[in-house]
Amino acid sequence: MALHKGQTGAEGSADEQELRRLSVNPFYGATNPVSGMASAPPKHRLPDGPVTPETAYRLVHDELMLDGNSRLNLATFVTTWMEPQAGLLMAECRDKNMIDKDEYPRTAELERRCVAMLADLWNAPDPATVVGCSTTGSSEACMLAGMALKRRWAQRNSDRYPATARPNLVMGINVQVCWEKFCNFWEVEARLVPMEGDRFHLDPQAAADLCDENTIGVVPVLGSTFDGSYEPVAEVCAALDALQERTGLDIPVHVDGASGAMVAPFIDEELVWDFRLPRVSSINTSGHKYGLVYPGVGWALWRSPAELPEELVFRVNYLGGDMPTFALNFSRPGAQVVAQYYTFLRLGREGYRAVQQTSRDIACGLAERIDALDDFQLLTRGDELPVFAFTTAPGVRNFDVFDVSRRLREHGWLVPAYTFPKNREDLSVLRMVCRNGFSADLAELLLEDLNKLMPELRGQPHPMTDTHAATSFHH
């Protein structure tokens, strides 16, 4: 959530009043029985009186026209297209409070079914023992998983280490910012494995080497946001198995499957990353990413009740019934959970496989054609997540990735350019996220626009963009 500051300056000046008068299309207020809409309502204080629904709609609608087109946004992992039937179901459920399970028992039942389906999809040894919940997104799910890891560590070590011992969490420096937030909010030391050379994500042995008696867990990411690559979950677990044999330290693993946990089960079935690995205690995913649902919905699952300490589960009865809840948010709409169940029902395994394979094919095809241009070189090829990153070729001096991002934006394409973190801060890349709805036709149009820009970019005397102001995108 962005932080916003209040308005500075007054709206009552003559210039402000004139601007308000001129900013309204007279047609908007033609039928307004209250004021005739001679001027626009103030923007930074409540208006003195009402306007018609149509007038309010038009004022907001016109301002939002300046937003980017979400379908052309190759920066976001978030779903930007669903079927009309899904939108209709969401509209029917947007007034249902997800937390009020006694009042909306069928919505609660759909949530329970989704958890059961994910437990089965992620190969839980006994799906009936898995516990889980929906969240507002994978960021909240990560917070919940981290809280469970910290509490379990405290329980295991209550008699062995002083209360002043500081817990730590081991992960790659490429993790999503929500993990940095977790460590900050819950006072956990973040131990980050840096990138090295052409390794852009977590190294299993380096992760094990950072673990000690105060480590609450290790977090591999199934689908790095930096380049779309899978981190080697099985190898991380093997390194921690060896660590336990040597030292007795039993370090649990949480898999951040924000994107990959809804890709790998369908098109990388041979990849072992989930509850088949005994050391994996919990997994999260984003329903609103490759789960193919509009934002915001996420999921957090634990192998068994033993991985989710009972004291973290709250029970309230003032909404009726006995309602166990484990979430940071209390009230939230049930619409996204219903949409997730609709999508599971609508697609099934074969449908998800077809959608994710198509996205990967488009990503790999687009990456191959960009790689064929002498100006760029690929870091990844879209053959894990349908996401790939690339940078300028070593001999390119006339432009940089920020120039490419800026020029593509002029054609409506939102393609992020950014630098990599510590140890590879010298590397600046572009990244393209190919989601459902980004069709082969759109990929072709994007490539056409990129090819049109190349002569001008090659003709520049030097990169034209201030890299600090080039893009608002960052990790």
Protein backbone atom coordinates (compact mmCIF):
# COMPACT_ATOMS: atom_id res chain seq x y z
CA MET A 1 0.00 0.00 0.00
CA ALA A 2 1.40 3.38 -0.96
CA LEU A 3 1.71 6.15 1.58
CA HIS A 4 0.01 9.40 0.64
CA LYS A 5 0.45 12.85 2.08
CA GLY A 6 -2.37 15.30 2.51
CA GLN A 7 -2.93 18.15 0.11
CA THR A 8 -0.77 21.24 0.52
CA GLY A 9 -2.18 24.65 -0.32
CA ALA A 10 -5.73 25.97 -0.41
CA GLU A 11 -8.51 25.12 -2.83
CA GLY A 12 -10.31 28.35 -2.25
CA SER A 13 -8.11 30.67 -4.32
CA ALA A 14 -9.50 32.37 -7.39
CA ASP A 15 -7.34 30.22 -9.65
CA GLU A 16 -8.57 27.04 -7.94
CA GLN A 17 -12.18 28.12 -8.25
CA GLU A 18 -11.72 28.89 -11.95
CA LEU A 19 -10.05 25.53 -12.51
CA ARG A 20 -12.95 23.76 -10.80
CA ARG A 21 -15.42 25.61 -12.99
CA LEU A 22 -13.61 24.70 -16.21
CA SER A 23 -12.87 21.08 -15.26
CA VAL A 24 -16.47 19.91 -15.59
CA ASN A 25 -18.13 19.00 -18.84
CA PRO A 26 -21.47 20.88 -18.65
CA PHE A 27 -23.26 17.77 -19.89
CA TYR A 28 -22.35 16.00 -16.64
CA GLY A 29 -24.46 18.28 -14.52
CA ALA A 30 -27.27 18.98 -16.95
CA THR A 31 -29.79 16.91 -14.97
CA ASN A 32 -28.40 17.56 -11.50
CA PRO A 33 -31.34 18.82 -9.41
CA VAL A 34 -29.08 19.96 -6.57
CA SER A 35 -26.62 22.41 -8.07
CA GLY A 36 -26.55 22.00 -11.83
CA MET A 37 -22.83 21.23 -11.40
CA ALA A 38 -21.56 24.67 -12.24
CA SER A 39 -18.16 23.63 -10.90
CA ALA A 40 -16.37 20.44 -9.92
CA PRO A 41 -16.51 19.32 -6.30
CA PRO A 42 -13.32 19.89 -4.25
CA LYS A 43 -10.67 17.17 -4.45
CA HIS A 44 -9.18 17.31 -0.97
CA ARG A 45 -12.15 17.91 1.32
CA LEU A 46 -15.67 16.55 1.39
CA PRO A 47 -18.04 18.44 -0.91
CA ASP A 48 -20.75 20.51 0.75
CA GLY A 49 -23.52 18.56 -0.93
CA PRO A 50 -24.21 15.53 -3.14
CA VAL A 51 -24.01 15.12 -6.89
CA THR A 52 -25.86 12.62 -9.04
CA PRO A 53 -24.48 9.08 -9.31
CA GLU A 54 -23.79 9.57 -13.02
CA THR A 55 -21.84 12.78 -12.39
CA ALA A 56 -19.73 11.18 -9.67
CA TYR A 57 -19.08 8.19 -11.90
CA ARG A 58 -18.01 10.33 -14.85
CA LEU A 59 -15.65 12.48 -12.79
CA VAL A 60 -13.88 9.43 -11.38
CA HIS A 61 -13.98 7.54 -14.67
CA ASP A 62 -12.34 10.38 -16.59
CA GLU A 63 -9.50 10.69 -14.11
CA LEU A 64 -8.82 6.95 -14.22
CA MET A 65 -8.44 7.07 -18.01
CA LEU A 66 -4.90 8.28 -17.39
CA ASP A 67 -3.93 4.99 -15.72
CA GLY A 68 -1.97 2.51 -17.79
CA ASN A 69 -3.71 -0.34 -19.59
CA SER A 70 -3.40 -3.34 -17.27
CA ARG A 71 -3.41 -5.83 -20.16
CA LEU A 72 -0.25 -4.17 -21.53
CA ASN A 73 1.48 -4.21 -18.15
CA LEU A 74 4.34 -6.71 -18.38
CA ALA A 75 5.66 -5.64 -14.98
CA THR A 76 2.87 -7.10 -12.88
CA PHE A 77 2.37 -10.76 -11.99
CA VAL A 78 -1.23 -9.99 -11.03
CA THR A 79 -4.14 -11.36 -13.05
CA THR A 80 -5.62 -8.76 -15.41
CA TRP A 81 -8.30 -10.82 -17.16
CA MET A 82 -11.07 -13.16 -16.03
CA GLU A 83 -14.20 -14.46 -17.66
CA PRO A 84 -17.39 -12.40 -17.33
CA GLN A 85 -19.02 -15.19 -15.31
CA ALA A 86 -16.27 -14.89 -12.69
CA GLY A 87 -16.83 -11.13 -12.53
CA LEU A 88 -20.55 -11.74 -12.05
CA LEU A 89 -19.92 -14.12 -9.14
CA MET A 90 -17.55 -11.61 -7.56
CA ALA A 91 -20.15 -8.88 -7.84
CA GLU A 92 -22.70 -11.14 -6.13
CA CYS A 93 -20.31 -11.79 -3.23
CA ARG A 94 -18.56 -8.47 -2.71
CA ASP A 95 -20.80 -7.60 0.25
CA LYS A 96 -20.07 -10.87 2.08
CA ASN A 97 -17.55 -10.59 4.91
CA MET A 98 -15.16 -13.54 4.57
CA ILE A 99 -14.53 -13.61 8.31
CA ASP A 100 -18.23 -14.06 9.14
CA LYS A 101 -18.29 -17.80 8.57
CA ASP A 102 -21.41 -18.44 10.62
CA GLU A 103 -23.45 -15.99 8.55
CA TYR A 104 -21.98 -17.12 5.20
CA PRO A 105 -21.35 -20.84 5.70
CA ARG A 106 -21.27 -21.71 2.00
CA THR A 107 -18.56 -19.13 1.32
CA ALA A 108 -16.60 -20.63 4.23
CA GLU A 109 -17.11 -24.07 2.72
CA LEU A 110 -15.70 -22.92 -0.63
CA GLU A 111 -12.63 -21.62 1.20
CA ARG A 112 -12.21 -25.00 2.91
CA ARG A 113 -12.50 -26.80 -0.42
CA CYS A 114 -9.85 -24.57 -1.97
CA VAL A 115 -7.46 -25.40 0.87
CA ALA A 116 -8.16 -29.12 0.36
CA MET A 117 -7.58 -28.82 -3.40
CA LEU A 118 -4.25 -27.04 -2.85
CA ALA A 119 -3.17 -29.66 -0.28
CA ASP A 120 -3.82 -32.35 -2.87
CA LEU A 121 -2.16 -30.34 -5.65
CA TRP A 122 0.97 -29.86 -3.51
CA ASN A 123 1.20 -33.57 -2.67
CA ALA A 124 0.54 -33.44 1.05
CA PRO A 125 1.09 -36.97 2.48
CA ASP A 126 -2.26 -36.69 4.25
CA PRO A 127 -4.37 -33.84 2.82
CA ALA A 128 -6.89 -34.30 5.64
CA THR A 129 -4.33 -33.11 8.20
CA VAL A 130 -3.28 -30.00 6.28
CA VAL A 131 -4.40 -26.70 7.78
CA GLY A 132 -4.65 -23.52 5.77
CA CYS A 133 -6.48 -20.29 5.10
CA SER A 134 -7.10 -17.68 2.49
CA THR A 135 -5.42 -14.27 2.77
CA THR A 136 -5.46 -10.96 0.95
CA GLY A 137 -2.43 -12.10 -1.06
CA SER A 138 0.85 -13.96 -0.80
CA SER A 139 2.40 -11.11 1.18
CA GLU A 140 -0.02 -11.67 4.07
CA ALA A 141 0.44 -15.43 3.66
CA CYS A 142 4.21 -14.98 4.00
CA MET A 143 3.71 -12.94 7.18
CA LEU A 144 1.57 -15.72 8.65
CA ALA A 145 4.10 -18.40 7.67
CA GLY A 146 6.91 -16.36 9.19
CA MET A 147 4.96 -15.87 12.42
CA ALA A 148 4.41 -19.63 12.68
CA LEU A 149 8.12 -20.30 12.10
CA LYS A 150 9.12 -17.81 14.77
CA ARG A 151 6.66 -19.15 17.33
CA ARG A 152 7.73 -22.75 16.71
CA TRP A 153 11.38 -21.73 17.15
CA ALA A 154 10.51 -20.01 20.45
CA GLN A 155 8.67 -23.11 21.67
CA ARG A 156 11.54 -25.44 20.75
CA ASN A 157 14.14 -23.28 22.45
CA SER A 158 12.25 -21.93 25.46
CA ASP A 159 14.38 -23.96 27.90
CA ARG A 160 17.67 -23.77 26.01
CA TYR A 161 18.32 -20.17 25.02
CA PRO A 162 17.79 -16.83 26.80
CA ALA A 163 14.78 -14.69 25.97
CA THR A 164 17.20 -12.13 24.52
CA ALA A 165 18.29 -14.52 21.74
CA ARG A 166 17.50 -12.95 18.39
CA PRO A 167 15.88 -15.22 15.80
CA ASN A 168 17.00 -15.13 12.18
CA LEU A 169 15.54 -16.15 8.83
CA VAL A 170 17.71 -17.33 5.91
CA MET A 171 16.76 -16.52 2.31
CA GLY A 172 18.19 -15.24 -0.95
CA ILE A 173 18.69 -11.52 -1.45
CA ASN A 174 16.23 -11.80 -4.34
CA VAL A 175 13.19 -12.45 -2.10
CA GLN A 176 10.09 -10.32 -2.45
CA VAL A 177 9.97 -7.24 -0.22
CA CYS A 178 7.25 -8.77 1.98
CA TRP A 179 9.94 -10.92 3.64
CA GLU A 180 11.96 -7.83 4.48
CA LYS A 181 8.78 -6.38 5.97
CA PHE A 182 8.23 -9.51 8.03
CA CYS A 183 11.74 -9.38 9.47
CA ASN A 184 11.34 -5.68 10.23
CA PHE A 185 7.87 -5.92 11.77
CA TRP A 186 8.52 -9.06 13.84
CA GLU A 187 12.13 -8.29 14.83
CA VAL A 188 13.80 -11.15 13.02
CA GLU A 189 17.31 -10.87 11.60
CA ALA A 190 17.25 -11.30 7.81
CA ARG A 191 20.22 -13.39 6.70
CA LEU A 192 20.45 -12.91 2.96
CA VAL A 193 22.48 -15.07 0.60
CA PRO A 194 23.91 -12.63 -1.99
CA MET A 195 23.95 -13.11 -5.74
CA GLU A 196 27.26 -14.20 -7.22
CA GLY A 197 28.23 -14.05 -10.89
CA ASP A 198 25.53 -15.71 -12.98
CA ARG A 199 23.76 -17.16 -9.93
CA PHE A 200 20.81 -14.85 -9.30
CA HIS A 201 19.07 -16.75 -6.51
CA LEU A 202 19.57 -18.86 -3.40
CA ASP A 203 22.56 -21.21 -3.15
CA PRO A 204 21.70 -24.28 -1.04
CA GLN A 205 25.04 -24.68 0.72
CA ALA A 206 25.40 -20.96 1.35
CA ALA A 207 21.93 -21.01 2.94
CA ALA A 208 22.86 -23.93 5.20
CA ASP A 209 26.09 -22.19 6.20
CA LEU A 210 24.13 -19.20 7.49
CA CYS A 211 21.94 -21.31 9.78
CA ASP A 212 22.51 -21.62 13.53
CA GLU A 213 20.53 -22.43 16.66
CA ASN A 214 18.55 -19.18 16.28
CA THR A 215 17.43 -19.82 12.69
CA ILE A 216 13.65 -20.08 12.51
CA GLY A 217 13.63 -21.34 8.92
CA VAL A 218 14.91 -21.09 5.36
CA VAL A 219 12.76 -19.61 2.58
CA PRO A 220 13.40 -20.75 -1.00
CA VAL A 221 11.31 -19.04 -3.68
CA LEU A 222 9.62 -21.04 -6.40
CA GLY A 223 9.83 -18.33 -9.03
CA SER A 224 12.07 -15.34 -8.34
CA THR A 225 10.52 -11.99 -9.17
CA PHE A 226 13.89 -10.79 -10.46
CA ASP A 227 14.23 -13.23 -13.33
CA GLY A 228 11.47 -15.87 -13.14
CA SER A 229 13.77 -18.73 -12.15
CA TYR A 230 12.90 -21.47 -9.66
CA GLU A 231 15.10 -21.76 -6.60
CA PRO A 232 16.34 -25.33 -5.92
CA VAL A 233 14.00 -26.31 -3.07
CA ALA A 234 15.01 -29.98 -2.98
CA GLU A 235 18.71 -29.09 -2.89
CA VAL A 236 18.08 -26.63 -0.05
CA CYS A 237 16.30 -29.37 1.90
CA ALA A 238 19.18 -31.78 1.21
CA ALA A 239 21.73 -29.25 2.49
CA LEU A 240 19.67 -28.79 5.65
CA ASP A 241 19.38 -32.58 6.06
CA ALA A 242 23.18 -32.78 5.98
CA LEU A 243 23.38 -29.90 8.46
CA GLN A 244 21.10 -31.75 10.85
CA GLU A 245 23.24 -34.89 10.58
CA ARG A 246 26.34 -32.89 11.50
CA THR A 247 24.96 -30.55 14.16
CA GLY A 248 21.52 -31.75 15.22
CA LEU A 249 19.94 -28.49 14.03
CA ASP A 250 16.49 -29.18 12.56
CA ILE A 251 15.66 -26.17 10.37
CA PRO A 252 12.21 -26.10 8.70
CA VAL A 253 11.63 -24.82 5.17
CA HIS A 254 8.84 -22.55 4.01
CA VAL A 255 8.37 -22.42 0.23
CA ASP A 256 7.36 -19.02 -1.10
CA GLY A 257 5.40 -20.26 -4.09
CA ALA A 258 3.72 -16.91 -4.81
CA SER A 259 3.84 -17.64 -8.54
CA GLY A 260 5.50 -21.01 -9.13
CA ALA A 261 3.23 -23.00 -6.82
CA MET A 262 0.46 -22.47 -9.38
CA VAL A 263 2.71 -23.23 -12.37
CA ALA A 264 5.02 -26.12 -11.47
CA PRO A 265 2.28 -28.61 -10.44
CA PHE A 266 0.80 -28.43 -13.92
CA ILE A 267 3.75 -28.18 -16.33
CA ASP A 268 6.74 -29.24 -14.19
CA GLU A 269 5.22 -32.29 -12.56
CA GLU A 270 8.59 -34.04 -12.25
CA LEU A 271 10.00 -31.20 -10.14
CA VAL A 272 9.97 -32.08 -6.43
CA TRP A 273 9.56 -28.91 -4.40
CA ASP A 274 6.41 -29.33 -2.27
CA PHE A 275 5.13 -31.41 0.66
CA ARG A 276 6.81 -34.47 -0.84
CA LEU A 277 9.92 -33.08 0.85
CA PRO A 278 9.54 -33.84 4.59
CA ARG A 279 11.42 -30.67 5.55
CA VAL A 280 8.85 -28.42 3.84
CA SER A 281 6.54 -27.34 6.66
CA SER A 282 4.47 -24.70 4.84
CA ILE A 283 3.77 -23.21 1.42
CA ASN A 284 2.12 -20.00 0.25
CA THR A 285 0.84 -18.86 -3.11
CA SER A 286 -0.96 -15.96 -4.75
CA GLY A 287 -4.38 -16.82 -6.08
CA HIS A 288 -4.28 -13.50 -7.88
CA LYS A 289 -1.10 -14.30 -9.82
CA TYR A 290 -0.87 -17.58 -11.69
CA GLY A 291 -3.86 -18.76 -9.67
CA LEU A 292 -5.72 -16.70 -12.32
CA VAL A 293 -7.97 -14.66 -10.00
CA TYR A 294 -8.34 -10.88 -9.76
CA PRO A 295 -6.58 -9.36 -6.71
CA GLY A 296 -6.48 -9.86 -3.90
CA VAL A 297 -6.39 -13.44 -2.67
CA GLY A 298 -3.58 -15.63 -1.40
CA TRP A 299 -3.24 -18.97 0.36
CA ALA A 300 -1.13 -20.31 3.21
CA LEU A 301 -0.96 -24.03 4.00
CA TRP A 302 0.83 -25.96 6.76
CA ARG A 303 1.67 -29.65 6.55
CA SER A 304 -0.20 -30.40 9.81
CA PRO A 305 -1.52 -28.62 12.90
CA ALA A 306 1.89 -29.21 14.52
CA GLU A 307 3.42 -26.63 12.14
CA LEU A 308 0.84 -23.96 13.09
CA PRO A 309 1.01 -23.25 16.85
CA GLU A 310 -2.46 -23.29 18.39
CA GLU A 311 -1.90 -20.03 20.30
CA LEU A 312 -1.72 -18.15 17.00
CA VAL A 313 -5.30 -19.18 16.17
CA PHE A 314 -7.97 -16.87 17.60
CA ARG A 315 -11.58 -17.78 18.26
CA VAL A 316 -14.37 -15.25 18.47
CA ASN A 317 -18.10 -15.71 18.86
CA TYR A 318 -19.56 -12.24 18.62
CA LEU A 319 -20.45 -12.75 14.94
CA GLY A 320 -22.22 -15.99 15.85
CA GLY A 321 -20.82 -19.49 16.16
CA ASP A 322 -17.27 -20.52 17.07
CA MET A 323 -14.98 -18.93 14.52
CA PRO A 324 -11.27 -19.87 14.49
CA THR A 325 -9.24 -17.36 12.52
CA PHE A 326 -5.59 -16.95 11.68
CA ALA A 327 -5.01 -13.89 9.54
CA LEU A 328 -3.69 -10.35 9.86
CA ASN A 329 -6.89 -8.93 8.39
CA PHE A 330 -10.26 -9.45 10.00
CA SER A 331 -12.95 -8.16 7.65
CA ARG A 332 -12.48 -8.71 3.93
CA PRO A 333 -14.77 -9.60 1.02
CA GLY A 334 -15.48 -13.21 0.12
CA ALA A 335 -15.59 -12.41 -3.60
CA GLN A 336 -12.01 -13.40 -4.39
CA VAL A 337 -12.28 -16.73 -2.56
CA VAL A 338 -15.44 -17.51 -4.52
CA ALA A 339 -13.62 -16.54 -7.73
CA GLN A 340 -10.76 -18.88 -6.83
CA TYR A 341 -13.14 -21.78 -6.34
CA TYR A 342 -14.87 -20.90 -9.62
CA THR A 343 -11.52 -20.99 -11.44
CA PHE A 344 -10.51 -24.32 -9.87
CA LEU A 345 -13.90 -25.74 -10.87
CA ARG A 346 -13.86 -24.14 -14.31
CA LEU A 347 -10.37 -25.24 -15.40
CA GLY A 348 -9.41 -28.35 -13.45
CA ARG A 349 -5.92 -29.75 -13.82
CA GLU A 350 -6.05 -30.00 -17.61
CA GLY A 351 -7.37 -26.47 -17.99
CA TYR A 352 -4.65 -25.02 -15.75
CA ARG A 353 -2.07 -27.06 -17.62
CA ALA A 354 -3.23 -25.63 -20.94
CA VAL A 355 -3.27 -22.04 -19.68
CA GLN A 356 0.15 -22.19 -18.00
CA GLN A 357 1.75 -24.05 -20.90
CA THR A 358 0.43 -21.44 -23.32
CA SER A 359 1.85 -18.64 -21.19
CA ARG A 360 5.22 -20.43 -21.06
CA ASP A 361 5.22 -21.04 -24.82
CA ILE A 362 4.54 -17.36 -25.47
CA ALA A 363 7.27 -16.32 -23.00
CA CYS A 364 9.83 -18.70 -24.51
CA GLY A 365 8.94 -17.65 -28.05
CA LEU A 366 9.17 -13.94 -27.25
CA ALA A 367 12.44 -14.44 -25.39
CA GLU A 368 13.92 -16.34 -28.34
CA ARG A 369 13.03 -13.56 -30.77
CA ILE A 370 14.45 -10.86 -28.50
CA ASP A 371 17.60 -12.93 -28.09
CA ALA A 372 17.91 -13.00 -31.89
CA LEU A 373 18.39 -9.22 -31.85
CA ASP A 374 22.08 -8.38 -31.58
CA ASP A 375 21.31 -5.64 -29.06
CA PHE A 376 20.19 -7.88 -26.18
CA GLN A 377 21.18 -10.96 -24.23
CA LEU A 378 18.93 -13.14 -22.10
CA LEU A 379 19.43 -13.93 -18.43
CA THR A 380 16.48 -16.35 -18.37
CA ARG A 381 14.30 -17.77 -21.13
CA GLY A 382 10.83 -18.09 -19.62
CA ASP A 383 11.14 -21.87 -19.31
CA GLU A 384 10.33 -21.93 -15.58
CA LEU A 385 7.92 -19.16 -14.67
CA PRO A 386 6.54 -17.66 -17.92
CA VAL A 387 8.84 -14.74 -17.14
CA PHE A 388 12.19 -13.76 -18.57
CA ALA A 389 14.81 -11.10 -17.94
CA PHE A 390 17.28 -9.66 -20.41
CA THR A 391 19.84 -6.89 -20.63
CA THR A 392 21.72 -5.05 -23.33
CA ALA A 393 24.51 -6.87 -25.14
CA PRO A 394 28.08 -6.16 -23.96
CA GLY A 395 28.94 -4.01 -26.98
CA VAL A 396 25.89 -1.73 -26.73
CA ARG A 397 26.89 1.81 -25.72
CA ASN A 398 24.21 4.01 -27.30
CA PHE A 399 21.32 3.08 -25.01
CA ASP A 400 20.50 1.14 -21.88
CA VAL A 401 17.57 -0.84 -20.50
CA PHE A 402 16.03 2.31 -19.00
CA ASP A 403 15.90 3.91 -22.45
CA VAL A 404 14.14 0.83 -23.81
CA SER A 405 11.60 0.84 -20.95
CA ARG A 406 10.91 4.55 -21.41
CA ARG A 407 10.41 4.28 -25.16
CA LEU A 408 8.14 1.23 -24.89
CA ARG A 409 6.01 3.14 -22.40
CA GLU A 410 5.36 5.70 -25.12
CA HIS A 411 3.61 2.90 -27.03
CA GLY A 412 1.56 1.85 -23.99
CA TRP A 413 3.77 -1.07 -22.90
CA LEU A 414 4.81 -1.18 -19.26
CA VAL A 415 8.08 -3.13 -19.17
CA PRO A 416 10.08 -2.61 -15.97
CA ALA A 417 13.78 -1.81 -15.95
CA TYR A 418 15.70 -2.17 -12.70
CA THR A 419 19.06 -2.98 -11.18
CA PHE A 420 19.90 -6.19 -9.36
CA PRO A 421 20.75 -6.14 -5.63
CA LYS A 422 24.05 -6.27 -3.73
CA ASN A 423 26.96 -8.01 -5.49
CA ARG A 424 25.29 -7.57 -8.89
CA GLU A 425 24.32 -3.92 -8.71
CA ASP A 426 26.25 -3.51 -11.95
CA LEU A 427 23.52 -5.44 -13.77
CA SER A 428 20.43 -3.61 -15.07
CA VAL A 429 17.71 -5.62 -16.77
CA LEU A 430 14.30 -5.59 -18.39
CA ARG A 431 11.75 -8.21 -17.35
CA MET A 432 8.64 -9.43 -19.13
CA VAL A 433 5.86 -11.28 -17.30
CA CYS A 434 3.65 -13.30 -19.64
CA ARG A 435 0.28 -13.92 -17.98
CA ASN A 436 -2.97 -15.41 -19.13
CA GLY A 437 -4.46 -12.85 -21.50
CA PHE A 438 -1.07 -11.84 -22.93
CA SER A 439 -1.65 -13.59 -26.23
CA ALA A 440 0.66 -14.45 -29.08
CA ASP A 441 -0.90 -11.53 -31.00
CA LEU A 442 0.01 -9.09 -28.22
CA ALA A 443 3.53 -10.53 -28.07
CA GLU A 444 3.83 -9.94 -31.81
CA LEU A 445 2.65 -6.33 -31.44
CA LEU A 446 5.14 -5.76 -28.61
CA LEU A 447 7.98 -7.10 -30.74
CA GLU A 448 6.91 -4.91 -33.67
CA ASP A 449 7.01 -1.82 -31.46
CA LEU A 450 10.41 -2.82 -30.07
CA ASN A 451 11.80 -3.26 -33.58
CA LYS A 452 10.44 0.15 -34.60
CA LEU A 453 12.30 1.76 -31.71
CA MET A 454 15.66 0.10 -32.31
CA PRO A 455 16.95 2.37 -35.13
CA GLU A 456 16.40 5.47 -33.00
CA LEU A 457 17.95 3.85 -29.92
CA ARG A 458 20.97 2.70 -31.92
CA GLY A 459 21.35 6.22 -33.29
CA GLN A 460 21.59 7.86 -29.86
CA PRO A 461 25.02 9.22 -28.93
CA HIS A 462 24.69 7.74 -25.43
CA PRO A 463 22.03 6.54 -22.96
CA MET A 464 19.50 9.33 -22.53
CA THR A 465 17.78 8.32 -19.31
CA ASP A 466 18.63 9.21 -15.72
CA THR A 467 18.62 5.70 -14.25
CA HIS A 468 17.35 6.95 -10.89
CA ALA A 469 14.32 8.61 -12.48
CA ALA A 470 13.89 6.21 -15.38
CA THR A 471 11.31 3.98 -13.81
CA SER A 472 9.15 3.84 -10.74
CA PHE A 473 9.58 0.07 -10.63
CA HIS A 474 11.76 -1.46 -7.96
CA HIS A 475 11.82 -4.60 -5.84
